Amino acid sequence: AVAGQAVVWYTGQFYALFFLEKMLMVDGASANILIAVALALGTPFFI
């Protein structure tokens, strides 16, 4: 359970952010905003 849950969590939030910045060369501020919007849309689904 937990190992899979953990890598999904960090891939979906942190690795996606690093990928945008380091690999796709999106500027840091824009990458932060894009991730923030996705988090706002997705967070209710935890409940």
PDB file of all heavy atoms in Angstrom:
ATOM      1  N   ALA A   1       0.825  -1.217   0.000  1.00  0.00           N
ATOM      2  CA  ALA A   1       0.000   0.000   0.000  1.00  0.00           C
ATOM      3  C   ALA A   1       0.855   1.263   0.000  1.00  0.00           C
ATOM      4  O   ALA A   1       0.772   2.088  -0.904  1.00  0.00           O
ATOM      5  CB  ALA A   1      -0.949   0.004   1.196  1.00  0.00           C
ATOM      6  N   VAL A   2       1.695   1.419   1.042  1.00  0.00           N
ATOM      7  CA  VAL A   2       2.337   2.712   1.276  1.00  0.00           C
ATOM      8  C   VAL A   2       3.407   3.042   0.240  1.00  0.00           C
ATOM      9  O   VAL A   2       3.538   4.198  -0.184  1.00  0.00           O
ATOM     10  CB  VAL A   2       2.940   2.769   2.697  1.00  0.00           C
ATOM     11  CG1 VAL A   2       3.565   4.131   2.948  1.00  0.00           C
ATOM     12  CG2 VAL A   2       1.864   2.487   3.736  1.00  0.00           C
ATOM     13  N   ALA A   3       4.206   2.059  -0.188  1.00  0.00           N
ATOM     14  CA  ALA A   3       5.278   2.347  -1.148  1.00  0.00           C
ATOM     15  C   ALA A   3       4.709   2.933  -2.438  1.00  0.00           C
ATOM     16  O   ALA A   3       5.188   3.957  -2.953  1.00  0.00           O
ATOM     17  CB  ALA A   3       6.082   1.086  -1.438  1.00  0.00           C
ATOM     18  N   GLY A   4       3.667   2.302  -2.968  1.00  0.00           N
ATOM     19  CA  GLY A   4       3.034   2.819  -4.172  1.00  0.00           C
ATOM     20  C   GLY A   4       2.385   4.166  -3.947  1.00  0.00           C
ATOM     21  O   GLY A   4       2.494   5.079  -4.777  1.00  0.00           O
ATOM     22  N   GLN A   5       1.689   4.297  -2.813  1.00  0.00           N
ATOM     23  CA  GLN A   5       1.077   5.588  -2.477  1.00  0.00           C
ATOM     24  C   GLN A   5       2.121   6.695  -2.439  1.00  0.00           C
ATOM     25  O   GLN A   5       1.902   7.802  -2.946  1.00  0.00           O
ATOM     26  CB  GLN A   5       0.380   5.477  -1.123  1.00  0.00           C
ATOM     27  CG  GLN A   5      -0.010   6.785  -0.487  1.00  0.00           C
ATOM     28  CD  GLN A   5       1.023   7.264   0.537  1.00  0.00           C
ATOM     29  OE1 GLN A   5       1.297   6.575   1.506  1.00  0.00           O
ATOM     30  NE2 GLN A   5       1.595   8.425   0.324  1.00  0.00           N
ATOM     31  N   ALA A   6       3.281   6.396  -1.885  1.00  0.00           N
ATOM     32  CA  ALA A   6       4.326   7.413  -1.713  1.00  0.00           C
ATOM     33  C   ALA A   6       4.870   7.894  -3.053  1.00  0.00           C
ATOM     34  O   ALA A   6       5.006   9.104  -3.283  1.00  0.00           O
ATOM     35  CB  ALA A   6       5.453   6.848  -0.852  1.00  0.00           C
ATOM     36  N   VAL A   7       5.190   6.962  -3.954  1.00  0.00           N
ATOM     37  CA  VAL A   7       5.780   7.403  -5.222  1.00  0.00           C
ATOM     38  C   VAL A   7       4.747   8.116  -6.087  1.00  0.00           C
ATOM     39  O   VAL A   7       5.094   9.028  -6.849  1.00  0.00           O
ATOM     40  CB  VAL A   7       6.426   6.228  -5.990  1.00  0.00           C
ATOM     41  CG1 VAL A   7       7.596   5.658  -5.201  1.00  0.00           C
ATOM     42  CG2 VAL A   7       5.433   5.133  -6.336  1.00  0.00           C
ATOM     43  N   VAL A   8       3.473   7.743  -5.966  1.00  0.00           N
ATOM     44  CA  VAL A   8       2.432   8.467  -6.694  1.00  0.00           C
ATOM     45  C   VAL A   8       2.315   9.892  -6.157  1.00  0.00           C
ATOM     46  O   VAL A   8       2.203  10.865  -6.922  1.00  0.00           O
ATOM     47  CB  VAL A   8       1.074   7.737  -6.591  1.00  0.00           C
ATOM     48  CG1 VAL A   8      -0.058   8.586  -7.167  1.00  0.00           C
ATOM     49  CG2 VAL A   8       1.142   6.405  -7.323  1.00  0.00           C
ATOM     50  N   TRP A   9       2.379  10.024  -4.837  1.00  0.00           N
ATOM     51  CA  TRP A   9       2.280  11.353  -4.223  1.00  0.00           C
ATOM     52  C   TRP A   9       3.409  12.262  -4.703  1.00  0.00           C
ATOM     53  O   TRP A   9       3.177  13.394  -5.141  1.00  0.00           O
ATOM     54  CB  TRP A   9       2.327  11.221  -2.692  1.00  0.00           C
ATOM     55  CG  TRP A   9       1.695  12.363  -1.962  1.00  0.00           C
ATOM     56  CD1 TRP A   9       0.448  12.399  -1.415  1.00  0.00           C
ATOM     57  CD2 TRP A   9       2.273  13.643  -1.686  1.00  0.00           C
ATOM     58  NE1 TRP A   9       0.221  13.617  -0.836  1.00  0.00           N
ATOM     59  CE2 TRP A   9       1.323  14.407  -0.979  1.00  0.00           C
ATOM     60  CE3 TRP A   9       3.502  14.229  -1.976  1.00  0.00           C
ATOM     61  CZ2 TRP A   9       1.555  15.707  -0.569  1.00  0.00           C
ATOM     62  CZ3 TRP A   9       3.748  15.535  -1.566  1.00  0.00           C
ATOM     63  CH2 TRP A   9       2.780  16.255  -0.863  1.00  0.00           C
ATOM     64  N   TYR A  10       4.635  11.770  -4.636  1.00  0.00           N
ATOM     65  CA  TYR A  10       5.777  12.635  -4.970  1.00  0.00           C
ATOM     66  C   TYR A  10       5.939  12.829  -6.470  1.00  0.00           C
ATOM     67  O   TYR A  10       6.455  13.862  -6.906  1.00  0.00           O
ATOM     68  CB  TYR A  10       7.058  12.085  -4.322  1.00  0.00           C
ATOM     69  CG  TYR A  10       7.018  12.326  -2.837  1.00  0.00           C
ATOM     70  CD1 TYR A  10       6.594  11.336  -1.954  1.00  0.00           C
ATOM     71  CD2 TYR A  10       7.333  13.565  -2.314  1.00  0.00           C
ATOM     72  CE1 TYR A  10       6.502  11.573  -0.600  1.00  0.00           C
ATOM     73  CE2 TYR A  10       7.247  13.814  -0.952  1.00  0.00           C
ATOM     74  CZ  TYR A  10       6.824  12.811  -0.102  1.00  0.00           C
ATOM     75  OH  TYR A  10       6.721  13.059   1.237  1.00  0.00           O
ATOM     76  N   THR A  11       5.499  11.863  -7.270  1.00  0.00           N
ATOM     77  CA  THR A  11       5.531  12.072  -8.714  1.00  0.00           C
ATOM     78  C   THR A  11       4.494  13.118  -9.116  1.00  0.00           C
ATOM     79  O   THR A  11       4.791  14.017  -9.913  1.00  0.00           O
ATOM     80  CB  THR A  11       5.235  10.759  -9.465  1.00  0.00           C
ATOM     81  OG1 THR A  11       6.214   9.780  -9.096  1.00  0.00           O
ATOM     82  CG2 THR A  11       5.295  10.977 -10.969  1.00  0.00           C
ATOM     83  N   GLY A  12       3.307  13.020  -8.553  1.00  0.00           N
ATOM     84  CA  GLY A  12       2.210  13.892  -8.949  1.00  0.00           C
ATOM     85  C   GLY A  12       2.351  15.319  -8.498  1.00  0.00           C
ATOM     86  O   GLY A  12       1.733  16.214  -9.081  1.00  0.00           O
ATOM     87  N   GLN A  13       3.171  15.568  -7.488  1.00  0.00           N
ATOM     88  CA  GLN A  13       3.272  16.931  -6.969  1.00  0.00           C
ATOM     89  C   GLN A  13       4.702  17.475  -7.096  1.00  0.00           C
ATOM     90  O   GLN A  13       4.934  18.461  -7.791  1.00  0.00           O
ATOM     91  CB  GLN A  13       2.745  16.969  -5.536  1.00  0.00           C
ATOM     92  CG  GLN A  13       1.271  16.573  -5.527  1.00  0.00           C
ATOM     93  CD  GLN A  13       0.601  16.688  -4.174  1.00  0.00           C
ATOM     94  OE1 GLN A  13      -0.425  17.317  -4.035  1.00  0.00           O
ATOM     95  NE2 GLN A  13       1.150  16.051  -3.170  1.00  0.00           N
ATOM     96  N   PHE A  14       5.672  16.825  -6.506  1.00  0.00           N
ATOM     97  CA  PHE A  14       7.033  17.371  -6.561  1.00  0.00           C
ATOM     98  C   PHE A  14       7.759  17.070  -7.862  1.00  0.00           C
ATOM     99  O   PHE A  14       8.366  17.951  -8.460  1.00  0.00           O
ATOM    100  CB  PHE A  14       7.858  16.879  -5.364  1.00  0.00           C
ATOM    101  CG  PHE A  14       7.651  17.729  -4.166  1.00  0.00           C
ATOM    102  CD1 PHE A  14       6.871  17.282  -3.121  1.00  0.00           C
ATOM    103  CD2 PHE A  14       8.188  18.991  -4.090  1.00  0.00           C
ATOM    104  CE1 PHE A  14       6.648  18.077  -2.021  1.00  0.00           C
ATOM    105  CE2 PHE A  14       7.967  19.796  -2.998  1.00  0.00           C
ATOM    106  CZ  PHE A  14       7.203  19.337  -1.950  1.00  0.00           C
ATOM    107  N   TYR A  15       7.728  15.810  -8.304  1.00  0.00           N
ATOM    108  CA  TYR A  15       8.458  15.511  -9.529  1.00  0.00           C
ATOM    109  C   TYR A  15       7.869  16.271 -10.711  1.00  0.00           C
ATOM    110  O   TYR A  15       8.605  16.729 -11.598  1.00  0.00           O
ATOM    111  CB  TYR A  15       8.460  14.003  -9.808  1.00  0.00           C
ATOM    112  CG  TYR A  15       9.383  13.628 -10.944  1.00  0.00           C
ATOM    113  CD1 TYR A  15      10.764  13.640 -10.767  1.00  0.00           C
ATOM    114  CD2 TYR A  15       8.880  13.288 -12.197  1.00  0.00           C
ATOM    115  CE1 TYR A  15      11.617  13.314 -11.808  1.00  0.00           C
ATOM    116  CE2 TYR A  15       9.730  12.958 -13.238  1.00  0.00           C
ATOM    117  CZ  TYR A  15      11.096  12.972 -13.033  1.00  0.00           C
ATOM    118  OH  TYR A  15      11.948  12.663 -14.065  1.00  0.00           O
ATOM    119  N   ALA A  16       6.551  16.419 -10.734  1.00  0.00           N
ATOM    120  CA  ALA A  16       5.919  17.195 -11.803  1.00  0.00           C
ATOM    121  C   ALA A  16       6.421  18.637 -11.798  1.00  0.00           C
ATOM    122  O   ALA A  16       6.689  19.220 -12.864  1.00  0.00           O
ATOM    123  CB  ALA A  16       4.403  17.165 -11.638  1.00  0.00           C
ATOM    124  N   LEU A  17       6.584  19.207 -10.618  1.00  0.00           N
ATOM    125  CA  LEU A  17       7.097  20.579 -10.513  1.00  0.00           C
ATOM    126  C   LEU A  17       8.538  20.660 -10.997  1.00  0.00           C
ATOM    127  O   LEU A  17       8.901  21.533 -11.796  1.00  0.00           O
ATOM    128  CB  LEU A  17       6.993  21.072  -9.065  1.00  0.00           C
ATOM    129  CG  LEU A  17       7.600  22.443  -8.773  1.00  0.00           C
ATOM    130  CD1 LEU A  17       6.879  23.534  -9.551  1.00  0.00           C
ATOM    131  CD2 LEU A  17       7.566  22.735  -7.278  1.00  0.00           C
ATOM    132  N   PHE A  18       9.380  19.739 -10.521  1.00  0.00           N
ATOM    133  CA  PHE A  18      10.785  19.750 -10.948  1.00  0.00           C
ATOM    134  C   PHE A  18      10.891  19.502 -12.452  1.00  0.00           C
ATOM    135  O   PHE A  18      11.751  20.079 -13.121  1.00  0.00           O
ATOM    136  CB  PHE A  18      11.572  18.669 -10.191  1.00  0.00           C
ATOM    137  CG  PHE A  18      11.632  18.883  -8.703  1.00  0.00           C
ATOM    138  CD1 PHE A  18      11.770  17.811  -7.835  1.00  0.00           C
ATOM    139  CD2 PHE A  18      11.546  20.148  -8.161  1.00  0.00           C
ATOM    140  CE1 PHE A  18      11.827  18.002  -6.466  1.00  0.00           C
ATOM    141  CE2 PHE A  18      11.592  20.356  -6.792  1.00  0.00           C
ATOM    142  CZ  PHE A  18      11.747  19.275  -5.946  1.00  0.00           C
ATOM    143  N   PHE A  19      10.054  18.629 -12.989  1.00  0.00           N
ATOM    144  CA  PHE A  19      10.074  18.317 -14.416  1.00  0.00           C
ATOM    145  C   PHE A  19       9.747  19.566 -15.232  1.00  0.00           C
ATOM    146  O   PHE A  19      10.405  19.841 -16.252  1.00  0.00           O
ATOM    147  CB  PHE A  19       9.070  17.200 -14.700  1.00  0.00           C
ATOM    148  CG  PHE A  19       9.156  16.633 -16.084  1.00  0.00           C
ATOM    149  CD1 PHE A  19      10.047  15.630 -16.381  1.00  0.00           C
ATOM    150  CD2 PHE A  19       8.315  17.101 -17.095  1.00  0.00           C
ATOM    151  CE1 PHE A  19      10.119  15.093 -17.665  1.00  0.00           C
ATOM    152  CE2 PHE A  19       8.380  16.582 -18.377  1.00  0.00           C
ATOM    153  CZ  PHE A  19       9.282  15.572 -18.666  1.00  0.00           C
ATOM    154  N   LEU A  20       8.754  20.311 -14.789  1.00  0.00           N
ATOM    155  CA  LEU A  20       8.399  21.546 -15.491  1.00  0.00           C
ATOM    156  C   LEU A  20       9.569  22.529 -15.509  1.00  0.00           C
ATOM    157  O   LEU A  20       9.882  23.138 -16.535  1.00  0.00           O
ATOM    158  CB  LEU A  20       7.193  22.209 -14.832  1.00  0.00           C
ATOM    159  CG  LEU A  20       5.810  21.619 -15.101  1.00  0.00           C
ATOM    160  CD1 LEU A  20       4.770  22.276 -14.204  1.00  0.00           C
ATOM    161  CD2 LEU A  20       5.428  21.792 -16.575  1.00  0.00           C
ATOM    162  N   GLU A  21      10.218  22.683 -14.362  1.00  0.00           N
ATOM    163  CA  GLU A  21      11.279  23.677 -14.246  1.00  0.00           C
ATOM    164  C   GLU A  21      12.575  23.236 -14.916  1.00  0.00           C
ATOM    165  O   GLU A  21      13.181  23.986 -15.682  1.00  0.00           O
ATOM    166  CB  GLU A  21      11.556  23.996 -12.769  1.00  0.00           C
ATOM    167  CG  GLU A  21      10.466  24.798 -12.080  1.00  0.00           C
ATOM    168  CD  GLU A  21      10.910  25.319 -10.735  1.00  0.00           C
ATOM    169  OE1 GLU A  21      11.988  25.917 -10.652  1.00  0.00           O
ATOM    170  OE2 GLU A  21      10.185  25.109  -9.749  1.00  0.00           O
ATOM    171  N   LYS A  22      13.039  22.029 -14.604  1.00  0.00           N
ATOM    172  CA  LYS A  22      14.367  21.606 -15.042  1.00  0.00           C
ATOM    173  C   LYS A  22      14.373  20.993 -16.435  1.00  0.00           C
ATOM    174  O   LYS A  22      15.320  21.201 -17.197  1.00  0.00           O
ATOM    175  CB  LYS A  22      14.939  20.585 -14.045  1.00  0.00           C
ATOM    176  CG  LYS A  22      15.215  21.161 -12.677  1.00  0.00           C
ATOM    177  CD  LYS A  22      16.294  22.251 -12.713  1.00  0.00           C
ATOM    178  CE  LYS A  22      17.669  21.691 -13.009  1.00  0.00           C
ATOM    179  NZ  LYS A  22      18.727  22.721 -12.921  1.00  0.00           N
ATOM    180  N   MET A  23      13.367  20.226 -16.793  1.00  0.00           N
ATOM    181  CA  MET A  23      13.359  19.539 -18.077  1.00  0.00           C
ATOM    182  C   MET A  23      12.649  20.343 -19.167  1.00  0.00           C
ATOM    183  O   MET A  23      13.089  20.370 -20.310  1.00  0.00           O
ATOM    184  CB  MET A  23      12.695  18.162 -17.945  1.00  0.00           C
ATOM    185  CG  MET A  23      13.378  17.257 -16.953  1.00  0.00           C
ATOM    186  SD  MET A  23      15.146  17.074 -17.341  1.00  0.00           S
ATOM    187  CE  MET A  23      15.689  16.201 -15.880  1.00  0.00           C
ATOM    188  N   LEU A  24      11.536  20.966 -18.809  1.00  0.00           N
ATOM    189  CA  LEU A  24      10.766  21.709 -19.793  1.00  0.00           C
ATOM    190  C   LEU A  24      11.072  23.201 -19.760  1.00  0.00           C
ATOM    191  O   LEU A  24      10.533  23.954 -20.563  1.00  0.00           O
ATOM    192  CB  LEU A  24       9.266  21.467 -19.583  1.00  0.00           C
ATOM    193  CG  LEU A  24       8.841  19.997 -19.595  1.00  0.00           C
ATOM    194  CD1 LEU A  24       7.333  19.881 -19.508  1.00  0.00           C
ATOM    195  CD2 LEU A  24       9.368  19.285 -20.831  1.00  0.00           C
ATOM    196  N   MET A  25      11.902  23.623 -18.810  1.00  0.00           N
ATOM    197  CA  MET A  25      12.415  24.990 -18.740  1.00  0.00           C
ATOM    198  C   MET A  25      11.316  26.046 -18.632  1.00  0.00           C
ATOM    199  O   MET A  25      11.423  27.143 -19.168  1.00  0.00           O
ATOM    200  CB  MET A  25      13.329  25.266 -19.936  1.00  0.00           C
ATOM    201  CG  MET A  25      14.574  24.404 -19.926  1.00  0.00           C
ATOM    202  SD  MET A  25      15.455  24.360 -21.502  1.00  0.00           S
ATOM    203  CE  MET A  25      14.363  23.350 -22.511  1.00  0.00           C
ATOM    204  N   VAL A  26      10.237  25.686 -17.934  1.00  0.00           N
ATOM    205  CA  VAL A  26       9.198  26.660 -17.589  1.00  0.00           C
ATOM    206  C   VAL A  26       9.720  27.479 -16.417  1.00  0.00           C
ATOM    207  O   VAL A  26      10.309  26.935 -15.481  1.00  0.00           O
ATOM    208  CB  VAL A  26       7.884  25.944 -17.217  1.00  0.00           C
ATOM    209  CG1 VAL A  26       6.823  26.942 -16.764  1.00  0.00           C
ATOM    210  CG2 VAL A  26       7.385  25.111 -18.393  1.00  0.00           C
ATOM    211  N   ASP A  27       9.521  28.798 -16.457  1.00  0.00           N
ATOM    212  CA  ASP A  27      10.053  29.618 -15.367  1.00  0.00           C
ATOM    213  C   ASP A  27       9.398  29.244 -14.039  1.00  0.00           C
ATOM    214  O   ASP A  27       8.243  28.784 -14.003  1.00  0.00           O
ATOM    215  CB  ASP A  27       9.849  31.107 -15.655  1.00  0.00           C
ATOM    216  CG  ASP A  27       8.390  31.523 -15.580  1.00  0.00           C
ATOM    217  OD1 ASP A  27       7.672  31.366 -16.581  1.00  0.00           O
ATOM    218  OD2 ASP A  27       7.972  31.988 -14.507  1.00  0.00           O
ATOM    219  N   GLY A  28      10.158  29.430 -12.948  1.00  0.00           N
ATOM    220  CA  GLY A  28       9.732  28.958 -11.634  1.00  0.00           C
ATOM    221  C   GLY A  28       8.390  29.488 -11.190  1.00  0.00           C
ATOM    222  O   GLY A  28       7.561  28.742 -10.654  1.00  0.00           O
ATOM    223  N   ALA A  29       8.144  30.779 -11.408  1.00  0.00           N
ATOM    224  CA  ALA A  29       6.880  31.363 -10.961  1.00  0.00           C
ATOM    225  C   ALA A  29       5.697  30.744 -11.695  1.00  0.00           C
ATOM    226  O   ALA A  29       4.669  30.401 -11.093  1.00  0.00           O
ATOM    227  CB  ALA A  29       6.902  32.881 -11.178  1.00  0.00           C
ATOM    228  N   SER A  30       5.824  30.567 -13.011  1.00  0.00           N
ATOM    229  CA  SER A  30       4.731  29.971 -13.783  1.00  0.00           C
ATOM    230  C   SER A  30       4.496  28.521 -13.379  1.00  0.00           C
ATOM    231  O   SER A  30       3.345  28.075 -13.259  1.00  0.00           O
ATOM    232  CB  SER A  30       5.046  30.031 -15.286  1.00  0.00           C
ATOM    233  OG  SER A  30       5.143  31.365 -15.725  1.00  0.00           O
ATOM    234  N   ALA A  31       5.585  27.779 -13.163  1.00  0.00           N
ATOM    235  CA  ALA A  31       5.449  26.382 -12.750  1.00  0.00           C
ATOM    236  C   ALA A  31       4.731  26.290 -11.408  1.00  0.00           C
ATOM    237  O   ALA A  31       3.857  25.432 -11.212  1.00  0.00           O
ATOM    238  CB  ALA A  31       6.826  25.723 -12.662  1.00  0.00           C
ATOM    239  N   ASN A  32       5.070  27.167 -10.481  1.00  0.00           N
ATOM    240  CA  ASN A  32       4.410  27.180  -9.175  1.00  0.00           C
ATOM    241  C   ASN A  32       2.907  27.445  -9.308  1.00  0.00           C
ATOM    242  O   ASN A  32       2.081  26.799  -8.658  1.00  0.00           O
ATOM    243  CB  ASN A  32       5.036  28.244  -8.272  1.00  0.00           C
ATOM    244  CG  ASN A  32       6.390  27.840  -7.750  1.00  0.00           C
ATOM    245  OD1 ASN A  32       6.765  26.674  -7.801  1.00  0.00           O
ATOM    246  ND2 ASN A  32       7.150  28.801  -7.265  1.00  0.00           N
ATOM    247  N   ILE A  33       2.561  28.395 -10.158  1.00  0.00           N
ATOM    248  CA  ILE A  33       1.152  28.746 -10.336  1.00  0.00           C
ATOM    249  C   ILE A  33       0.388  27.580 -10.963  1.00  0.00           C
ATOM    250  O   ILE A  33      -0.729  27.243 -10.535  1.00  0.00           O
ATOM    251  CB  ILE A  33       1.014  30.013 -11.205  1.00  0.00           C
ATOM    252  CG1 ILE A  33       1.549  31.232 -10.429  1.00  0.00           C
ATOM    253  CG2 ILE A  33      -0.436  30.239 -11.612  1.00  0.00           C
ATOM    254  CD1 ILE A  33       1.662  32.493 -11.271  1.00  0.00           C
ATOM    255  N   LEU A  34       0.968  26.941 -11.959  1.00  0.00           N
ATOM    256  CA  LEU A  34       0.305  25.813 -12.617  1.00  0.00           C
ATOM    257  C   LEU A  34       0.050  24.671 -11.636  1.00  0.00           C
ATOM    258  O   LEU A  34      -1.041  24.087 -11.611  1.00  0.00           O
ATOM    259  CB  LEU A  34       1.157  25.321 -13.787  1.00  0.00           C
ATOM    260  CG  LEU A  34       1.252  26.269 -14.992  1.00  0.00           C
ATOM    261  CD1 LEU A  34       2.367  25.821 -15.937  1.00  0.00           C
ATOM    262  CD2 LEU A  34      -0.076  26.332 -15.736  1.00  0.00           C
ATOM    263  N   ILE A  35       1.056  24.361 -10.815  1.00  0.00           N
ATOM    264  CA  ILE A  35       0.889  23.310  -9.812  1.00  0.00           C
ATOM    265  C   ILE A  35      -0.172  23.712  -8.788  1.00  0.00           C
ATOM    266  O   ILE A  35      -1.005  22.896  -8.371  1.00  0.00           O
ATOM    267  CB  ILE A  35       2.224  23.019  -9.106  1.00  0.00           C
ATOM    268  CG1 ILE A  35       3.206  22.351 -10.072  1.00  0.00           C
ATOM    269  CG2 ILE A  35       2.019  22.147  -7.873  1.00  0.00           C
ATOM    270  CD1 ILE A  35       2.904  20.909 -10.387  1.00  0.00           C
ATOM    271  N   ALA A  36      -0.155  24.990  -8.379  1.00  0.00           N
ATOM    272  CA  ALA A  36      -1.117  25.463  -7.381  1.00  0.00           C
ATOM    273  C   ALA A  36      -2.550  25.330  -7.888  1.00  0.00           C
ATOM    274  O   ALA A  36      -3.455  24.915  -7.146  1.00  0.00           O
ATOM    275  CB  ALA A  36      -0.821  26.916  -7.007  1.00  0.00           C
ATOM    276  N   VAL A  37      -2.780  25.647  -9.148  1.00  0.00           N
ATOM    277  CA  VAL A  37      -4.126  25.529  -9.712  1.00  0.00           C
ATOM    278  C   VAL A  37      -4.563  24.064  -9.725  1.00  0.00           C
ATOM    279  O   VAL A  37      -5.699  23.728  -9.354  1.00  0.00           O
ATOM    280  CB  VAL A  37      -4.174  26.119 -11.136  1.00  0.00           C
ATOM    281  CG1 VAL A  37      -5.522  25.822 -11.800  1.00  0.00           C
ATOM    282  CG2 VAL A  37      -3.930  27.624 -11.096  1.00  0.00           C
ATOM    283  N   ALA A  38      -3.659  23.174 -10.139  1.00  0.00           N
ATOM    284  CA  ALA A  38      -3.991  21.744 -10.166  1.00  0.00           C
ATOM    285  C   ALA A  38      -4.297  21.222  -8.768  1.00  0.00           C
ATOM    286  O   ALA A  38      -5.225  20.420  -8.581  1.00  0.00           O
ATOM    287  CB  ALA A  38      -2.839  20.956 -10.791  1.00  0.00           C
ATOM    288  N   LEU A  39      -3.537  21.674  -7.788  1.00  0.00           N
ATOM    289  CA  LEU A  39      -3.789  21.247  -6.412  1.00  0.00           C
ATOM    290  C   LEU A  39      -5.141  21.740  -5.927  1.00  0.00           C
ATOM    291  O   LEU A  39      -5.872  21.010  -5.244  1.00  0.00           O
ATOM    292  CB  LEU A  39      -2.686  21.774  -5.483  1.00  0.00           C
ATOM    293  CG  LEU A  39      -1.291  21.174  -5.657  1.00  0.00           C
ATOM    294  CD1 LEU A  39      -0.305  21.846  -4.718  1.00  0.00           C
ATOM    295  CD2 LEU A  39      -1.313  19.679  -5.415  1.00  0.00           C
ATOM    296  N   ALA A  40      -5.485  22.975  -6.271  1.00  0.00           N
ATOM    297  CA  ALA A  40      -6.782  23.521  -5.854  1.00  0.00           C
ATOM    298  C   ALA A  40      -7.929  22.721  -6.467  1.00  0.00           C
ATOM    299  O   ALA A  40      -8.943  22.463  -5.809  1.00  0.00           O
ATOM    300  CB  ALA A  40      -6.878  24.994  -6.263  1.00  0.00           C
ATOM    301  N   LEU A  41      -7.769  22.311  -7.715  1.00  0.00           N
ATOM    302  CA  LEU A  41      -8.821  21.531  -8.379  1.00  0.00           C
ATOM    303  C   LEU A  41      -8.909  20.106  -7.832  1.00  0.00           C
ATOM    304  O   LEU A  41      -9.993  19.528  -7.723  1.00  0.00           O
ATOM    305  CB  LEU A  41      -8.554  21.481  -9.885  1.00  0.00           C
ATOM    306  CG  LEU A  41      -8.672  22.809 -10.645  1.00  0.00           C
ATOM    307  CD1 LEU A  41      -8.217  22.639 -12.085  1.00  0.00           C
ATOM    308  CD2 LEU A  41     -10.106  23.322 -10.596  1.00  0.00           C
ATOM    309  N   GLY A  42      -7.768  19.535  -7.479  1.00  0.00           N
ATOM    310  CA  GLY A  42      -7.745  18.138  -7.090  1.00  0.00           C
ATOM    311  C   GLY A  42      -7.973  17.858  -5.623  1.00  0.00           C
ATOM    312  O   GLY A  42      -8.450  16.764  -5.264  1.00  0.00           O
ATOM    313  N   THR A  43      -7.672  18.810  -4.758  1.00  0.00           N
ATOM    314  CA  THR A  43      -7.706  18.559  -3.315  1.00  0.00           C
ATOM    315  C   THR A  43      -9.048  18.047  -2.783  1.00  0.00           C
ATOM    316  O   THR A  43      -9.079  17.160  -1.928  1.00  0.00           O
ATOM    317  CB  THR A  43      -7.268  19.824  -2.547  1.00  0.00           C
ATOM    318  OG1 THR A  43      -5.887  20.066  -2.836  1.00  0.00           O
ATOM    319  CG2 THR A  43      -7.433  19.652  -1.045  1.00  0.00           C
ATOM    320  N   PRO A  44     -10.194  18.543  -3.246  1.00  0.00           N
ATOM    321  CA  PRO A  44     -11.469  18.002  -2.717  1.00  0.00           C
ATOM    322  C   PRO A  44     -11.624  16.495  -2.902  1.00  0.00           C
ATOM    323  O   PRO A  44     -12.403  15.858  -2.179  1.00  0.00           O
ATOM    324  CB  PRO A  44     -12.531  18.778  -3.515  1.00  0.00           C
ATOM    325  CG  PRO A  44     -11.858  20.045  -3.924  1.00  0.00           C
ATOM    326  CD  PRO A  44     -10.429  19.676  -4.159  1.00  0.00           C
ATOM    327  N   PHE A  45     -10.895  15.924  -3.842  1.00  0.00           N
ATOM    328  CA  PHE A  45     -11.039  14.493  -4.090  1.00  0.00           C
ATOM    329  C   PHE A  45     -10.381  13.636  -3.005  1.00  0.00           C
ATOM    330  O   PHE A  45     -10.660  12.441  -2.928  1.00  0.00           O
ATOM    331  CB  PHE A  45     -10.501  14.146  -5.481  1.00  0.00           C
ATOM    332  CG  PHE A  45     -11.408  14.610  -6.585  1.00  0.00           C
ATOM    333  CD1 PHE A  45     -11.269  15.886  -7.114  1.00  0.00           C
ATOM    334  CD2 PHE A  45     -12.419  13.797  -7.055  1.00  0.00           C
ATOM    335  CE1 PHE A  45     -12.115  16.337  -8.117  1.00  0.00           C
ATOM    336  CE2 PHE A  45     -13.278  14.230  -8.053  1.00  0.00           C
ATOM    337  CZ  PHE A  45     -13.129  15.506  -8.589  1.00  0.00           C
ATOM    338  N   PHE A  46      -9.525  14.217  -2.181  1.00  0.00           N
ATOM    339  CA  PHE A  46      -9.069  13.492  -0.994  1.00  0.00           C
ATOM    340  C   PHE A  46     -10.274  13.117  -0.131  1.00  0.00           C
ATOM    341  O   PHE A  46     -10.381  11.989   0.356  1.00  0.00           O
ATOM    342  CB  PHE A  46      -8.110  14.346  -0.150  1.00  0.00           C
ATOM    343  CG  PHE A  46      -6.734  14.497  -0.722  1.00  0.00           C
ATOM    344  CD1 PHE A  46      -6.316  15.702  -1.259  1.00  0.00           C
ATOM    345  CD2 PHE A  46      -5.842  13.441  -0.699  1.00  0.00           C
ATOM    346  CE1 PHE A  46      -5.043  15.846  -1.769  1.00  0.00           C
ATOM    347  CE2 PHE A  46      -4.566  13.568  -1.202  1.00  0.00           C
ATOM    348  CZ  PHE A  46      -4.159  14.782  -1.752  1.00  0.00           C
ATOM    349  N   ILE A  47     -11.162  14.088   0.062  1.00  0.00           N
ATOM    350  CA  ILE A  47     -12.359  13.855   0.864  1.00  0.00           C
ATOM    351  C   ILE A  47     -13.271  12.845   0.172  1.00  0.00           C
ATOM    352  O   ILE A  47     -13.815  11.933   0.811  1.00  0.00           O
ATOM    353  CB  ILE A  47     -13.126  15.176   1.090  1.00  0.00           C
ATOM    354  CG1 ILE A  47     -12.181  16.285   1.584  1.00  0.00           C
ATOM    355  CG2 ILE A  47     -14.274  14.959   2.056  1.00  0.00           C
ATOM    356  CD1 ILE A  47     -11.519  16.000   2.880  1.00  0.00           C
TER     357      ILE A  47
END
